[in-house]
Every structure is written in structure tokens, then in C-alpha cells.
């Protein structure tokens, strides 16, 4: 005795499966814009700045001044920005995020605008020259990275 499906059930199941497949494929890349993708050529410089142990958390392409504005909003006080970052200004930068782990001390030469313990690092890389501008260590990921984790 075979059971027949109601008319249109097969089409509805196929449509649901296609929608699920499409949403699964796009959700991974939904956080990346076309400008973020150009940052991956700067990945080796960012990795050298933090070393081999920290876990990669994501990449974003924004201006350095946008990062500073976000940090000022979190801290709600005036922060003294390193010269390298303030000189960088409105120029677009690749921000590479890394989880440092619970026992990791701040990276040498890094800027820490917020009090520790430091568990996240943002490596600011000039996309034009692939030069590391600065490394910012933070207690938690900034909003730009938190939805990736």
C-alpha cells in the first residue's frame, strides 16, 4: 500500500529545501561586504603582529577614525589615540580581530584604551601598503566583530 502525497506537497518541500539551502549559504557571508574581501591580502601582516596562538575572529574594512569613535563611545571618556592611528585618519583600514585567550597578556607595543583583562586584539592594517598601523587590545570584541563570534 503506497501513500500518495497531496498535490503541491512535493513542490512545497522542494521550495522549503531550496530556501533553507540558500539561507545557509548566505548567512556565512552576510557579515562580509565587498570591501572586507579585499582585506584578506593583508592577512599575513596581521597574523605576524599577533603571533600564531590567537584565534582569528574576523575582518572588517572601515576607517581608523571609525574605530576610534566606537572606542570613545564605549569608554565615554576622552582617549589619547596613538599618533600612528590618529595620522591614519579617514583612510580605509582593514581591522583583523583575534581572540587572545584568558591568560594572554597584552601584546608588546599594543594600544589598550580600556582596562583589562585583555582577551581581544584588533590589528589595524593599511590596505594600500599592507603595513600594520597599530594593534589595539580590548577586554571584549567591539560590536563590529561580536556578531561573527
Protein backbone atom coordinates (compact mmCIF):
# COMPACT_ATOMS: atom_id res chain seq x y z
CA UNK A 1 0.00 0.00 0.00
CA UNK A 2 1.68 3.23 -1.07
CA UNK A 3 0.82 6.62 0.34
CA UNK A 4 0.34 9.45 -2.08
CA UNK A 5 1.31 12.96 -1.17
CA UNK A 6 -1.27 15.67 -1.60
CA UNK A 7 -0.86 17.75 -4.76
CA UNK A 8 1.70 20.51 -4.36
CA UNK A 9 3.36 18.91 -1.33
CA UNK A 10 6.43 17.88 -3.31
CA UNK A 11 6.77 21.37 -4.74
CA UNK A 12 6.38 22.92 -1.28
CA UNK A 13 9.02 20.59 0.17
CA UNK A 14 11.40 21.41 -2.68
CA UNK A 15 10.82 25.13 -2.17
CA UNK A 16 11.49 24.83 1.59
CA UNK A 17 14.66 22.84 0.95
CA UNK A 18 15.89 25.42 -1.57
CA UNK A 19 15.16 28.30 0.84
CA UNK A 20 16.99 26.51 3.65
CA UNK A 21 19.98 25.81 1.41
CA UNK A 22 20.08 29.41 0.18
CA UNK A 23 19.86 30.88 3.69
CA UNK A 24 22.60 28.54 4.93
CA UNK A 25 24.91 29.59 2.11
CA UNK A 26 24.39 33.31 2.53
CA UNK A 27 24.38 33.52 6.32
CA UNK A 28 28.12 32.77 6.50
CA UNK A 29 28.99 35.61 4.12
CA UNK A 30 26.30 38.01 5.25
CA UNK A 31 28.76 39.80 7.54
CA UNK A 32 31.26 40.42 4.74
CA UNK A 33 30.93 43.24 2.30
CA UNK A 34 32.84 43.65 -0.96
CA UNK A 35 35.37 45.96 0.72
CA UNK A 36 36.01 43.42 3.51
CA UNK A 37 37.09 40.82 0.96
CA UNK A 38 39.98 42.97 -0.26
CA UNK A 39 41.47 42.83 3.22
CA UNK A 40 42.38 39.17 3.00
CA UNK A 41 45.56 40.07 1.10
CA UNK A 42 46.74 41.80 4.32
CA UNK A 43 46.12 38.73 6.47
CA UNK A 44 49.82 37.64 6.73
CA UNK A 45 50.84 41.03 8.19
CA UNK A 46 48.04 40.89 10.75
CA UNK A 47 48.97 37.32 11.73
CA UNK A 48 52.64 38.32 12.20
CA UNK A 49 51.55 41.17 14.51
CA UNK A 50 49.73 38.85 16.95
CA UNK A 51 51.69 35.62 16.56
CA UNK A 52 50.46 32.08 15.90
CA UNK A 53 48.37 31.43 19.03
CA UNK A 54 45.44 33.88 18.91
CA UNK A 55 42.33 32.63 17.14
CA UNK A 56 41.16 34.61 14.09
CA UNK A 57 37.71 36.15 14.70
CA UNK A 58 37.02 38.16 11.56
CA UNK A 59 37.93 41.10 9.37
CA UNK A 60 36.26 44.45 8.65
CA UNK A 61 37.14 47.32 6.31
CA UNK A 62 36.49 50.72 7.93
CA UNK A 63 38.37 53.94 8.55
CA UNK A 64 40.65 54.19 11.56
CA UNK A 65 38.64 57.16 12.81
CA UNK A 66 35.51 54.95 12.87
CA UNK A 67 37.30 52.50 15.17
CA UNK A 68 38.38 55.37 17.45
CA UNK A 69 34.83 56.78 17.51
CA UNK A 70 33.49 53.35 18.50
CA UNK A 71 36.04 53.08 21.31
CA UNK A 72 35.18 56.55 22.59
CA UNK A 73 31.50 55.61 22.62
CA UNK A 74 32.28 52.50 24.71
CA UNK A 75 34.53 54.31 27.18
CA UNK A 76 32.53 57.56 27.31
CA UNK A 77 35.70 59.48 28.14
CA UNK A 78 38.39 61.19 26.16
CA UNK A 79 41.04 58.74 24.99
CA UNK A 80 44.53 59.59 23.78
CA UNK A 81 44.93 57.96 20.39
CA UNK A 82 48.40 56.77 19.31
CA UNK A 83 50.00 59.03 16.69
CA UNK A 84 50.11 56.24 14.11
CA UNK A 85 46.35 55.77 14.35
CA UNK A 86 45.39 59.45 14.51
CA UNK A 87 47.61 60.23 11.49
CA UNK A 88 45.84 57.46 9.61
CA UNK A 89 42.55 59.36 9.99
CA UNK A 90 39.81 58.76 7.42
CA UNK A 91 41.86 56.39 5.28
CA UNK A 92 40.28 52.96 4.98
CA UNK A 93 41.84 50.24 7.08
CA UNK A 94 41.47 46.52 7.47
CA UNK A 95 40.60 45.58 11.04
CA UNK A 96 41.55 42.00 11.86
CA UNK A 97 40.06 40.62 15.08
CA UNK A 98 41.73 37.93 17.20
CA UNK A 99 40.75 36.12 20.41
CA UNK A 100 43.75 36.27 22.73
CA UNK A 101 42.53 33.73 25.27
CA UNK A 102 42.06 34.16 29.01
CA UNK A 103 45.71 34.01 30.06
CA UNK A 104 47.20 36.18 27.30
CA UNK A 105 48.98 39.38 28.38
CA UNK A 106 48.77 42.48 26.19
CA UNK A 107 50.83 42.26 23.02
CA UNK A 108 54.08 44.25 23.11
CA UNK A 109 53.66 47.73 21.63
CA UNK A 110 49.87 47.47 21.58
CA UNK A 111 47.44 50.23 22.50
CA UNK A 112 44.99 49.41 25.30
CA UNK A 113 42.39 52.19 25.59
CA UNK A 114 40.20 50.20 28.00
CA UNK A 115 41.19 48.44 31.21
CA UNK A 116 41.89 44.68 31.05
CA UNK A 117 41.90 41.72 31.30
CA UNK A 118 42.67 41.76 27.60
CA UNK A 119 41.01 39.00 25.59
CA UNK A 120 40.65 40.50 22.12
CA UNK A 121 43.01 42.24 19.70
CA UNK A 122 42.23 44.36 16.67
CA UNK A 123 45.09 44.67 14.19
CA UNK A 124 44.76 47.83 12.06
CA UNK A 125 46.39 47.34 8.65
CA UNK A 126 46.74 49.94 5.91
CA UNK A 127 45.13 48.22 2.94
CA UNK A 128 47.17 50.21 0.40
CA UNK A 129 50.61 49.34 1.80
CA UNK A 130 49.75 46.23 3.88
CA UNK A 131 51.57 47.91 6.78
CA UNK A 132 50.40 47.27 10.35
CA UNK A 133 49.38 50.67 11.73
CA UNK A 134 48.75 49.54 15.31
CA UNK A 135 47.36 46.74 17.45
CA UNK A 136 44.52 47.55 19.87
CA UNK A 137 43.88 45.16 22.77
CA UNK A 138 40.46 45.13 24.41
CA UNK A 139 38.64 43.20 27.14
CA UNK A 140 35.95 42.06 24.67
CA UNK A 141 35.28 42.23 20.93
CA UNK A 142 33.93 45.50 19.60
CA UNK A 143 30.46 45.41 18.09
CA UNK A 144 31.93 45.11 14.57
CA UNK A 145 33.25 41.65 15.47
CA UNK A 146 30.82 40.41 18.11
CA UNK A 147 28.21 39.15 15.63
CA UNK A 148 30.83 36.94 13.96
CA UNK A 149 31.65 35.01 17.10
